[in-house]
Amino acid sequence: MQLYLPIAELTVNILLFLGVGGAVGFVSGLFGVGGGFLLTPLLIFTGVAPAVAVATVAPQIVASSASAAISYWRRRLIDEKMSLILLSGGMIGSAAGVYVFRALRTLGQLDLILGLAYVTFLGIVGGLMLRESVGAILRSRAGRPPAGRRPGQHNWVHGLPLKVRFRRSKIYVSILPVVALGFGIGFLGTVLGIGGGFLLVPALIYLLRVPTSVVIGTSLAYIVCTMALATVLHAIANGSVDIVLALLLMIGGVIGAQFGAQVGQTLRGEHLRALLAIIVLAVATRFLLGLFLTPADIYSFEVLGALP
């Protein structure tokens, strides 16, 4: 079953992209990460132009994340207060990211920046998460208590002003790092087409000490709102959202996310983090190889302006 994508200018197999959307939706519900860090590379690897892939992934992330977020909300596993404060910075970051994306596309540097950024961010975050999660698993098997802070031990975050109590997350911390996280991840998620959940989840766990069970639902709620804004801005400012492709990915993503959310609630936190770290590192490795391998088409042509 073949279908023509008007914006991507490709003829694709419908079942293939429904399957891709379903698989990424499953990952989204399982880890609470939106799935864009995996879906955007998959689209690029299948021949979709990077600009179209990044913009089109945003509505798919909204659909799959919303589906999974509803499941977590019903179980009261979302910190609504933290989600709102994250969004106060995330909305501004998403808007800024769309216009930086447009500037990079105009300069012709989008493909290179995307490749370098994926290798850097995915490699660093995946490596740190894998190290920590494997250590937690080994400690658990050895019967040792999990590594944690001793009473009275704080990091620099706890010295910041404007502290707020997040009762659902059981923490008392300044809103400044929460707003900053929202802005930074909203910006990067929009520019790279990744949703930002794979950055937000470890940041909330390791920086703010939010429980893993609450982090996933809170991350999903944040991603739904920021990616919805990114979708609208990408469509208006860049005109690169392929709605036909997005619908295929959405259908598969919504179904996959429900299964992922159910499975995610049966696994231990350290096991979830280890699986996510392995997937993140695998995607980073694929992008790293792409930076050094010679492409099949060495030259490309583009019309820069109308002929006189």
C-alpha atoms as a PDB file:
ATOM      1  CA  MET A   1       0.000   0.000   0.000  1.00  0.00           C
ATOM      2  CA  GLN A   2       1.719   3.116  -1.275  1.00  0.00           C
ATOM      3  CA  LEU A   3       0.955   6.739  -0.394  1.00  0.00           C
ATOM      4  CA  TYR A   4       2.414  10.003  -1.667  1.00  0.00           C
ATOM      5  CA  LEU A   5       3.557  12.567   0.922  1.00  0.00           C
ATOM      6  CA  PRO A   6       3.072  16.083  -0.498  1.00  0.00           C
ATOM      7  CA  ILE A   7       5.459  18.029   1.740  1.00  0.00           C
ATOM      8  CA  ALA A   8       8.148  15.340   2.017  1.00  0.00           C
ATOM      9  CA  GLU A   9       7.742  14.642  -1.728  1.00  0.00           C
ATOM     10  CA  LEU A  10       8.088  10.878  -1.233  1.00  0.00           C
ATOM     11  CA  THR A  11       6.017   7.785  -1.976  1.00  0.00           C
ATOM     12  CA  VAL A  12       5.999   5.542   1.089  1.00  0.00           C
ATOM     13  CA  ASN A  13       4.562   2.250   2.335  1.00  0.00           C
ATOM     14  CA  ILE A  14       1.613   2.938   4.655  1.00  0.00           C
ATOM     15  CA  LEU A  15       2.085  -0.169   6.806  1.00  0.00           C
ATOM     16  CA  LEU A  16       5.773   0.591   7.315  1.00  0.00           C
ATOM     17  CA  PHE A  17       5.138   4.039   8.741  1.00  0.00           C
ATOM     18  CA  LEU A  18       2.192   2.846  10.836  1.00  0.00           C
ATOM     19  CA  GLY A  19       4.589   0.311  12.329  1.00  0.00           C
ATOM     20  CA  VAL A  20       7.256   2.948  12.910  1.00  0.00           C
ATOM     21  CA  GLY A  21       4.721   5.172  14.683  1.00  0.00           C
ATOM     22  CA  GLY A  22       3.517   2.270  16.819  1.00  0.00           C
ATOM     23  CA  ALA A  23       7.019   1.232  17.857  1.00  0.00           C
ATOM     24  CA  VAL A  24       7.998   4.779  18.804  1.00  0.00           C
ATOM     25  CA  GLY A  25       4.672   5.282  20.603  1.00  0.00           C
ATOM     26  CA  PHE A  26       5.427   2.179  22.671  1.00  0.00           C
ATOM     27  CA  VAL A  27       8.803   3.665  23.637  1.00  0.00           C
ATOM     28  CA  SER A  28       7.068   6.943  24.514  1.00  0.00           C
ATOM     29  CA  GLY A  29       4.625   5.297  26.890  1.00  0.00           C
ATOM     30  CA  LEU A  30       7.296   3.022  28.362  1.00  0.00           C
ATOM     31  CA  PHE A  31       9.850   5.710  29.224  1.00  0.00           C
ATOM     32  CA  GLY A  32       7.848   8.969  29.216  1.00  0.00           C
ATOM     33  CA  VAL A  33      10.226  10.546  26.707  1.00  0.00           C
ATOM     34  CA  GLY A  34       8.030  11.559  23.777  1.00  0.00           C
ATOM     35  CA  GLY A  35       9.923   9.291  21.382  1.00  0.00           C
ATOM     36  CA  GLY A  36      11.128  12.047  19.092  1.00  0.00           C
ATOM     37  CA  PHE A  37      14.796  11.237  19.717  1.00  0.00           C
ATOM     38  CA  LEU A  38      14.113   7.915  18.001  1.00  0.00           C
ATOM     39  CA  LEU A  39      11.448   8.881  15.446  1.00  0.00           C
ATOM     40  CA  THR A  40      13.288  11.828  13.888  1.00  0.00           C
ATOM     41  CA  PRO A  41      16.406   9.743  13.088  1.00  0.00           C
ATOM     42  CA  LEU A  42      14.237   6.907  11.743  1.00  0.00           C
ATOM     43  CA  LEU A  43      12.496   9.283   9.345  1.00  0.00           C
ATOM     44  CA  ILE A  44      15.810  10.778   8.235  1.00  0.00           C
ATOM     45  CA  PHE A  45      17.293   7.315   7.717  1.00  0.00           C
ATOM     46  CA  THR A  46      14.308   6.360   5.503  1.00  0.00           C
ATOM     47  CA  GLY A  47      14.859   9.325   3.196  1.00  0.00           C
ATOM     48  CA  VAL A  48      12.653  12.076   4.655  1.00  0.00           C
ATOM     49  CA  ALA A  49      14.360  15.481   4.510  1.00  0.00           C
ATOM     50  CA  PRO A  50      15.671  16.548   7.967  1.00  0.00           C
ATOM     51  CA  ALA A  51      13.649  19.779   7.959  1.00  0.00           C
ATOM     52  CA  VAL A  52      10.419  17.880   7.244  1.00  0.00           C
ATOM     53  CA  ALA A  53      11.286  15.079   9.694  1.00  0.00           C
ATOM     54  CA  VAL A  54      11.897  17.463  12.605  1.00  0.00           C
ATOM     55  CA  ALA A  55       8.715  19.464  12.007  1.00  0.00           C
ATOM     56  CA  THR A  56       6.462  16.469  11.297  1.00  0.00           C
ATOM     57  CA  VAL A  57       7.567  14.558  14.386  1.00  0.00           C
ATOM     58  CA  ALA A  58       6.114  17.266  16.652  1.00  0.00           C
ATOM     59  CA  PRO A  59       2.409  16.414  16.089  1.00  0.00           C
ATOM     60  CA  GLN A  60       3.146  12.698  16.397  1.00  0.00           C
ATOM     61  CA  ILE A  61       4.827  13.336  19.743  1.00  0.00           C
ATOM     62  CA  VAL A  62       1.748  15.256  20.874  1.00  0.00           C
ATOM     63  CA  ALA A  63      -0.583  12.373  19.991  1.00  0.00           C
ATOM     64  CA  SER A  64       1.463   9.551  21.503  1.00  0.00           C
ATOM     65  CA  SER A  65       2.446  11.540  24.612  1.00  0.00           C
ATOM     66  CA  ALA A  66      -1.134  12.663  25.254  1.00  0.00           C
ATOM     67  CA  SER A  67      -2.355   9.078  25.006  1.00  0.00           C
ATOM     68  CA  ALA A  68       0.233   7.881  27.533  1.00  0.00           C
ATOM     69  CA  ALA A  69      -0.183  10.952  29.784  1.00  0.00           C
ATOM     70  CA  ILE A  70      -3.891  10.199  30.213  1.00  0.00           C
ATOM     71  CA  SER A  71      -2.989   6.742  31.510  1.00  0.00           C
ATOM     72  CA  TYR A  72      -0.587   8.206  34.094  1.00  0.00           C
ATOM     73  CA  TRP A  73      -3.044  10.973  35.063  1.00  0.00           C
ATOM     74  CA  ARG A  74      -5.727   8.415  35.862  1.00  0.00           C
ATOM     75  CA  ARG A  75      -3.277   6.783  38.271  1.00  0.00           C
ATOM     76  CA  ARG A  76      -2.381  10.154  39.830  1.00  0.00           C
ATOM     77  CA  LEU A  77       1.252   9.864  38.728  1.00  0.00           C
ATOM     78  CA  ILE A  78       1.601  13.412  37.337  1.00  0.00           C
ATOM     79  CA  ASP A  79       2.879  16.352  39.384  1.00  0.00           C
ATOM     80  CA  GLU A  80       0.600  19.036  37.912  1.00  0.00           C
ATOM     81  CA  LYS A  81       2.293  21.865  39.775  1.00  0.00           C
ATOM     82  CA  MET A  82       5.730  20.978  38.447  1.00  0.00           C
ATOM     83  CA  SER A  83       4.353  20.520  34.933  1.00  0.00           C
ATOM     84  CA  LEU A  84       2.917  24.036  34.945  1.00  0.00           C
ATOM     85  CA  ILE A  85       6.178  25.604  36.163  1.00  0.00           C
ATOM     86  CA  LEU A  86       8.156  23.651  33.571  1.00  0.00           C
ATOM     87  CA  LEU A  87       5.753  24.898  30.903  1.00  0.00           C
ATOM     88  CA  SER A  88       6.275  28.522  31.905  1.00  0.00           C
ATOM     89  CA  GLY A  89       9.809  28.204  30.539  1.00  0.00           C
ATOM     90  CA  GLY A  90       9.099  25.513  27.960  1.00  0.00           C
ATOM     91  CA  MET A  91       6.660  27.578  25.909  1.00  0.00           C
ATOM     92  CA  ILE A  92       9.205  30.384  25.494  1.00  0.00           C
ATOM     93  CA  GLY A  93      11.959  27.894  24.698  1.00  0.00           C
ATOM     94  CA  SER A  94       9.838  26.169  22.048  1.00  0.00           C
ATOM     95  CA  ALA A  95       9.028  29.467  20.339  1.00  0.00           C
ATOM     96  CA  ALA A  96      12.704  30.455  20.287  1.00  0.00           C
ATOM     97  CA  GLY A  97      13.683  27.017  18.971  1.00  0.00           C
ATOM     98  CA  VAL A  98      11.389  27.277  15.951  1.00  0.00           C
ATOM     99  CA  TYR A  99      12.990  30.504  14.795  1.00  0.00           C
ATOM    100  CA  VAL A 100      16.541  29.224  15.349  1.00  0.00           C
ATOM    101  CA  PHE A 101      15.554  26.159  13.319  1.00  0.00           C
ATOM    102  CA  ARG A 102      14.393  28.444  10.515  1.00  0.00           C
ATOM    103  CA  ALA A 103      17.662  30.402  10.593  1.00  0.00           C
ATOM    104  CA  LEU A 104      19.775  27.211  10.378  1.00  0.00           C
ATOM    105  CA  ARG A 105      17.678  25.969   7.482  1.00  0.00           C
ATOM    106  CA  THR A 106      18.126  29.261   5.646  1.00  0.00           C
ATOM    107  CA  LEU A 107      21.910  29.089   6.126  1.00  0.00           C
ATOM    108  CA  GLY A 108      22.015  25.509   4.805  1.00  0.00           C
ATOM    109  CA  GLN A 109      23.605  24.136   7.984  1.00  0.00           C
ATOM    110  CA  LEU A 110      20.622  22.245   9.404  1.00  0.00           C
ATOM    111  CA  ASP A 111      21.768  18.717   8.482  1.00  0.00           C
ATOM    112  CA  LEU A 112      25.242  19.150   9.976  1.00  0.00           C
ATOM    113  CA  ILE A 113      23.980  20.771  13.174  1.00  0.00           C
ATOM    114  CA  LEU A 114      21.385  18.035  13.663  1.00  0.00           C
ATOM    115  CA  GLY A 115      23.988  15.293  13.276  1.00  0.00           C
ATOM    116  CA  LEU A 116      26.490  16.889  15.661  1.00  0.00           C
ATOM    117  CA  ALA A 117      23.811  17.720  18.212  1.00  0.00           C
ATOM    118  CA  TYR A 118      22.389  14.197  18.221  1.00  0.00           C
ATOM    119  CA  VAL A 119      25.816  12.623  18.710  1.00  0.00           C
ATOM    120  CA  THR A 120      26.725  15.043  21.516  1.00  0.00           C
ATOM    121  CA  PHE A 121      23.530  15.105  23.554  1.00  0.00           C
ATOM    122  CA  LEU A 122      22.532  11.491  23.075  1.00  0.00           C
ATOM    123  CA  GLY A 123      26.055  10.252  23.767  1.00  0.00           C
ATOM    124  CA  ILE A 124      26.480  12.230  26.985  1.00  0.00           C
ATOM    125  CA  VAL A 125      23.021  11.584  28.403  1.00  0.00           C
ATOM    126  CA  GLY A 126      22.971   7.921  27.389  1.00  0.00           C
ATOM    127  CA  GLY A 127      26.415   7.286  28.869  1.00  0.00           C
ATOM    128  CA  LEU A 128      25.556   8.900  32.200  1.00  0.00           C
ATOM    129  CA  MET A 129      22.225   7.122  32.459  1.00  0.00           C
ATOM    130  CA  LEU A 130      23.726   3.741  31.615  1.00  0.00           C
ATOM    131  CA  ARG A 131      26.479   4.142  34.208  1.00  0.00           C
ATOM    132  CA  GLU A 132      24.046   5.088  36.953  1.00  0.00           C
ATOM    133  CA  SER A 133      21.366   2.518  36.128  1.00  0.00           C
ATOM    134  CA  VAL A 134      23.830  -0.391  35.852  1.00  0.00           C
ATOM    135  CA  GLY A 135      25.308   0.629  39.205  1.00  0.00           C
ATOM    136  CA  ALA A 136      21.826   0.653  40.747  1.00  0.00           C
ATOM    137  CA  ILE A 137      21.028  -2.794  39.331  1.00  0.00           C
ATOM    138  CA  LEU A 138      24.302  -4.257  40.635  1.00  0.00           C
ATOM    139  CA  ARG A 139      23.723  -2.773  44.092  1.00  0.00           C
ATOM    140  CA  SER A 140      20.206  -4.215  44.136  1.00  0.00           C
ATOM    141  CA  ARG A 141      21.419  -7.698  43.208  1.00  0.00           C
ATOM    142  CA  ALA A 142      24.148  -7.539  45.839  1.00  0.00           C
ATOM    143  CA  GLY A 143      21.577  -6.646  48.483  1.00  0.00           C
ATOM    144  CA  ARG A 144      23.078  -3.224  49.161  1.00  0.00           C
ATOM    145  CA  PRO A 145      20.784  -0.210  49.706  1.00  0.00           C
ATOM    146  CA  PRO A 146      20.466   2.227  46.787  1.00  0.00           C
ATOM    147  CA  ALA A 147      22.947   5.091  46.721  1.00  0.00           C
ATOM    148  CA  GLY A 148      21.273   8.233  47.958  1.00  0.00           C
ATOM    149  CA  ARG A 149      21.910  11.436  49.771  1.00  0.00           C
ATOM    150  CA  ARG A 150      22.666  11.331  53.453  1.00  0.00           C
ATOM    151  CA  PRO A 151      20.396  13.391  55.735  1.00  0.00           C
ATOM    152  CA  GLY A 152      21.274  17.056  55.485  1.00  0.00           C
ATOM    153  CA  GLN A 153      23.253  16.583  52.258  1.00  0.00           C
ATOM    154  CA  HIS A 154      22.315  19.070  49.497  1.00  0.00           C
ATOM    155  CA  ASN A 155      23.623  20.147  46.134  1.00  0.00           C
ATOM    156  CA  TRP A 156      23.819  23.672  44.719  1.00  0.00           C
ATOM    157  CA  VAL A 157      20.181  23.565  43.576  1.00  0.00           C
ATOM    158  CA  HIS A 158      18.966  23.560  47.171  1.00  0.00           C
ATOM    159  CA  GLY A 159      20.706  26.859  47.869  1.00  0.00           C
ATOM    160  CA  LEU A 160      18.676  28.802  45.302  1.00  0.00           C
ATOM    161  CA  PRO A 161      15.871  31.165  46.364  1.00  0.00           C
ATOM    162  CA  LEU A 162      12.129  31.090  45.518  1.00  0.00           C
ATOM    163  CA  LYS A 163      11.582  27.593  46.873  1.00  0.00           C
ATOM    164  CA  VAL A 164       8.273  25.810  46.342  1.00  0.00           C
ATOM    165  CA  ARG A 165       6.962  22.584  47.822  1.00  0.00           C
ATOM    166  CA  PHE A 166       5.918  19.976  45.257  1.00  0.00           C
ATOM    167  CA  ARG A 167       3.729  17.656  47.302  1.00  0.00           C
ATOM    168  CA  ARG A 168       3.195  15.023  44.625  1.00  0.00           C
ATOM    169  CA  SER A 169       6.961  14.737  44.052  1.00  0.00           C
ATOM    170  CA  LYS A 170       7.732  15.152  47.775  1.00  0.00           C
ATOM    171  CA  ILE A 171      10.477  17.731  47.209  1.00  0.00           C
ATOM    172  CA  TYR A 172      11.073  21.327  48.303  1.00  0.00           C
ATOM    173  CA  VAL A 173      13.162  23.184  45.722  1.00  0.00           C
ATOM    174  CA  SER A 174      13.545  26.543  43.970  1.00  0.00           C
ATOM    175  CA  ILE A 175      11.425  27.175  40.872  1.00  0.00           C
ATOM    176  CA  LEU A 176      14.451  28.722  39.094  1.00  0.00           C
ATOM    177  CA  PRO A 177      16.052  25.421  37.958  1.00  0.00           C
ATOM    178  CA  VAL A 178      12.602  24.076  37.059  1.00  0.00           C
ATOM    179  CA  VAL A 179      11.883  27.059  34.781  1.00  0.00           C
ATOM    180  CA  ALA A 180      15.404  26.880  33.320  1.00  0.00           C
ATOM    181  CA  LEU A 181      14.968  23.175  32.561  1.00  0.00           C
ATOM    182  CA  GLY A 182      11.653  23.885  30.894  1.00  0.00           C
ATOM    183  CA  PHE A 183      13.165  26.593  28.687  1.00  0.00           C
ATOM    184  CA  GLY A 184      16.319  24.681  27.718  1.00  0.00           C
ATOM    185  CA  ILE A 185      14.597  21.410  26.933  1.00  0.00           C
ATOM    186  CA  GLY A 186      11.765  23.138  25.086  1.00  0.00           C
ATOM    187  CA  PHE A 187      14.350  24.927  22.931  1.00  0.00           C
ATOM    188  CA  LEU A 188      16.460  21.839  22.190  1.00  0.00           C
ATOM    189  CA  GLY A 189      13.432  19.619  21.675  1.00  0.00           C
ATOM    190  CA  THR A 190      11.979  21.955  19.065  1.00  0.00           C
ATOM    191  CA  VAL A 191      15.238  22.497  17.169  1.00  0.00           C
ATOM    192  CA  LEU A 192      16.139  18.795  17.114  1.00  0.00           C
ATOM    193  CA  GLY A 193      12.638  17.323  16.837  1.00  0.00           C
ATOM    194  CA  ILE A 194      13.087  15.166  19.930  1.00  0.00           C
ATOM    195  CA  GLY A 195      10.387  16.303  22.332  1.00  0.00           C
ATOM    196  CA  GLY A 196      13.082  16.620  24.993  1.00  0.00           C
ATOM    197  CA  GLY A 197      11.804  13.928  27.306  1.00  0.00           C
ATOM    198  CA  PHE A 198      15.033  11.930  27.184  1.00  0.00           C
ATOM    199  CA  LEU A 199      16.761  15.011  28.628  1.00  0.00           C
ATOM    200  CA  LEU A 200      13.993  16.023  31.018  1.00  0.00           C
ATOM    201  CA  VAL A 201      13.566  12.618  32.654  1.00  0.00           C
ATOM    202  CA  PRO A 202      17.189  12.222  33.844  1.00  0.00           C
ATOM    203  CA  ALA A 203      17.399  15.921  34.763  1.00  0.00           C
ATOM    204  CA  LEU A 204      14.387  15.659  37.076  1.00  0.00           C
ATOM    205  CA  ILE A 205      15.650  12.399  38.564  1.00  0.00           C
ATOM    206  CA  TYR A 206      19.291  13.285  39.142  1.00  0.00           C
ATOM    207  CA  LEU A 207      19.159  17.062  39.579  1.00  0.00           C
ATOM    208  CA  LEU A 208      15.890  17.613  41.456  1.00  0.00           C
ATOM    209  CA  ARG A 209      15.512  14.084  42.938  1.00  0.00           C
ATOM    210  CA  VAL A 210      11.963  13.599  41.646  1.00  0.00           C
ATOM    211  CA  PRO A 211      10.752   9.968  42.050  1.00  0.00           C
ATOM    212  CA  THR A 212      10.893   7.939  38.836  1.00  0.00           C
ATOM    213  CA  SER A 213       7.214   6.967  39.064  1.00  0.00           C
ATOM    214  CA  VAL A 214       6.150  10.642  39.024  1.00  0.00           C
ATOM    215  CA  VAL A 215       8.793  11.784  36.532  1.00  0.00           C
ATOM    216  CA  ILE A 216       7.392   9.824  33.583  1.00  0.00           C
ATOM    217  CA  GLY A 217       3.851  11.211  33.781  1.00  0.00           C
ATOM    218  CA  THR A 218       5.087  14.746  34.513  1.00  0.00           C
ATOM    219  CA  SER A 219       7.447  14.593  31.541  1.00  0.00           C
ATOM    220  CA  LEU A 220       4.654  13.437  29.237  1.00  0.00           C
ATOM    221  CA  ALA A 221       2.344  16.266  30.325  1.00  0.00           C
ATOM    222  CA  TYR A 222       5.090  18.826  29.643  1.00  0.00           C
ATOM    223  CA  ILE A 223       5.904  17.322  26.237  1.00  0.00           C
ATOM    224  CA  VAL A 224       2.269  17.425  25.075  1.00  0.00           C
ATOM    225  CA  CYS A 225       2.020  21.188  25.585  1.00  0.00           C
ATOM    226  CA  THR A 226       5.438  22.221  24.243  1.00  0.00           C
ATOM    227  CA  MET A 227       5.197  20.034  21.135  1.00  0.00           C
ATOM    228  CA  ALA A 228       1.671  21.269  20.397  1.00  0.00           C
ATOM    229  CA  LEU A 229       3.057  24.816  20.314  1.00  0.00           C
ATOM    230  CA  ALA A 230       6.027  23.676  18.217  1.00  0.00           C
ATOM    231  CA  THR A 231       3.678  22.073  15.672  1.00  0.00           C
ATOM    232  CA  VAL A 232       1.749  25.288  15.162  1.00  0.00           C
ATOM    233  CA  LEU A 233       4.887  27.441  14.928  1.00  0.00           C
ATOM    234  CA  HIS A 234       6.659  25.044  12.543  1.00  0.00           C
ATOM    235  CA  ALA A 235       3.624  25.049  10.260  1.00  0.00           C
ATOM    236  CA  ILE A 236       3.364  28.843  10.258  1.00  0.00           C
ATOM    237  CA  ALA A 237       7.035  29.848  10.188  1.00  0.00           C
ATOM    238  CA  ASN A 238       8.591  27.001   8.176  1.00  0.00           C
ATOM    239  CA  GLY A 239       5.758  25.281   6.302  1.00  0.00           C
ATOM    240  CA  SER A 240       7.507  21.926   6.786  1.00  0.00           C
ATOM    241  CA  VAL A 241       4.861  19.881   8.622  1.00  0.00           C
ATOM    242  CA  ASP A 242       3.697  16.987   6.409  1.00  0.00           C
ATOM    243  CA  ILE A 243       0.223  16.374   7.831  1.00  0.00           C
ATOM    244  CA  VAL A 244      -0.288  13.133   5.860  1.00  0.00           C
ATOM    245  CA  LEU A 245       2.877  11.602   7.288  1.00  0.00           C
ATOM    246  CA  ALA A 246       2.007  12.967  10.728  1.00  0.00           C
ATOM    247  CA  LEU A 247      -1.405  11.245  10.641  1.00  0.00           C
ATOM    248  CA  LEU A 248       0.171   7.884   9.804  1.00  0.00           C
ATOM    249  CA  LEU A 249       2.624   8.260  12.676  1.00  0.00           C
ATOM    250  CA  MET A 250      -0.113   9.454  15.042  1.00  0.00           C
ATOM    251  CA  ILE A 251      -2.349   6.447  14.450  1.00  0.00           C
ATOM    252  CA  GLY A 252       0.451   4.021  15.186  1.00  0.00           C
ATOM    253  CA  GLY A 253       1.802   6.153  18.031  1.00  0.00           C
ATOM    254  CA  VAL A 254      -1.458   6.401  19.983  1.00  0.00           C
ATOM    255  CA  ILE A 255      -1.941   2.631  19.908  1.00  0.00           C
ATOM    256  CA  GLY A 256       1.678   1.871  20.815  1.00  0.00           C
ATOM    257  CA  ALA A 257       1.744   4.386  23.669  1.00  0.00           C
ATOM    258  CA  GLN A 258      -1.073   2.634  25.521  1.00  0.00           C
ATOM    259  CA  PHE A 259       0.821  -0.666  25.539  1.00  0.00           C
ATOM    260  CA  GLY A 260       4.045   1.099  26.537  1.00  0.00           C
ATOM    261  CA  ALA A 261       2.405   2.859  29.489  1.00  0.00           C
ATOM    262  CA  GLN A 262       1.048  -0.444  30.813  1.00  0.00           C
ATOM    263  CA  VAL A 263       4.403  -2.205  30.507  1.00  0.00           C
ATOM    264  CA  GLY A 264       6.295   0.762  32.016  1.00  0.00           C
ATOM    265  CA  GLN A 265       4.311   0.555  35.238  1.00  0.00           C
ATOM    266  CA  THR A 266       5.442  -3.055  35.793  1.00  0.00           C
ATOM    267  CA  LEU A 267       9.210  -2.473  35.504  1.00  0.00           C
ATOM    268  CA  ARG A 268      11.629  -1.202  38.136  1.00  0.00           C
ATOM    269  CA  GLY A 269      12.969   2.339  37.753  1.00  0.00           C
ATOM    270  CA  GLU A 270      16.616   1.312  37.288  1.00  0.00           C
ATOM    271  CA  HIS A 271      15.648  -1.204  34.587  1.00  0.00           C
ATOM    272  CA  LEU A 272      13.698   1.466  32.707  1.00  0.00           C
ATOM    273  CA  ARG A 273      16.661   3.839  32.855  1.00  0.00           C
ATOM    274  CA  ALA A 274      19.068   1.154  31.620  1.00  0.00           C
ATOM    275  CA  LEU A 275      16.862   0.279  28.640  1.00  0.00           C
ATOM    276  CA  LEU A 276      16.435   3.945  27.744  1.00  0.00           C
ATOM    277  CA  ALA A 277      20.198   4.514  27.976  1.00  0.00           C
ATOM    278  CA  ILE A 278      20.912   1.633  25.571  1.00  0.00           C
ATOM    279  CA  ILE A 279      18.423   2.966  23.007  1.00  0.00           C
ATOM    280  CA  VAL A 280      19.824   6.496  23.302  1.00  0.00           C
ATOM    281  CA  LEU A 281      23.400   5.281  22.778  1.00  0.00           C
ATOM    282  CA  ALA A 282      22.360   3.182  19.774  1.00  0.00           C
ATOM    283  CA  VAL A 283      20.843   6.215  18.038  1.00  0.00           C
ATOM    284  CA  ALA A 284      23.917   8.323  18.853  1.00  0.00           C
ATOM    285  CA  THR A 285      26.181   5.658  17.341  1.00  0.00           C
ATOM    286  CA  ARG A 286      24.134   5.585  14.137  1.00  0.00           C
ATOM    287  CA  PHE A 287      24.414   9.366  13.764  1.00  0.00           C
ATOM    288  CA  LEU A 288      28.142   9.238  14.491  1.00  0.00           C
ATOM    289  CA  LEU A 289      28.640   6.744  11.670  1.00  0.00           C
ATOM    290  CA  GLY A 290      26.598   8.964   9.370  1.00  0.00           C
ATOM    291  CA  LEU A 291      28.998  11.867   9.950  1.00  0.00           C
ATOM    292  CA  PHE A 292      31.923   9.852   8.570  1.00  0.00           C
ATOM    293  CA  LEU A 293      30.393   7.557   5.962  1.00  0.00           C
ATOM    294  CA  THR A 294      30.211   8.816   2.382  1.00  0.00           C
ATOM    295  CA  PRO A 295      26.551   9.433   1.391  1.00  0.00           C
ATOM    296  CA  ALA A 296      25.032   7.663  -1.593  1.00  0.00           C
ATOM    297  CA  ASP A 297      24.362  11.033  -3.254  1.00  0.00           C
ATOM    298  CA  ILE A 298      27.412  13.277  -2.894  1.00  0.00           C
ATOM    299  CA  TYR A 299      25.774  16.266  -4.580  1.00  0.00           C
ATOM    300  CA  SER A 300      22.378  17.861  -4.101  1.00  0.00           C
ATOM    301  CA  PHE A 301      20.585  20.619  -5.969  1.00  0.00           C
ATOM    302  CA  GLU A 302      18.295  23.316  -4.664  1.00  0.00           C
ATOM    303  CA  VAL A 303      16.596  26.273  -6.295  1.00  0.00           C
ATOM    304  CA  LEU A 304      17.711  29.368  -4.393  1.00  0.00           C
ATOM    305  CA  GLY A 305      15.751  31.953  -6.291  1.00  0.00           C
ATOM    306  CA  ALA A 306      13.672  32.651  -9.354  1.00  0.00           C
ATOM    307  CA  LEU A 307      15.441  32.895 -12.721  1.00  0.00           C
ATOM    308  CA  PRO A 308      15.615  36.403 -14.263  1.00  0.00           C
END
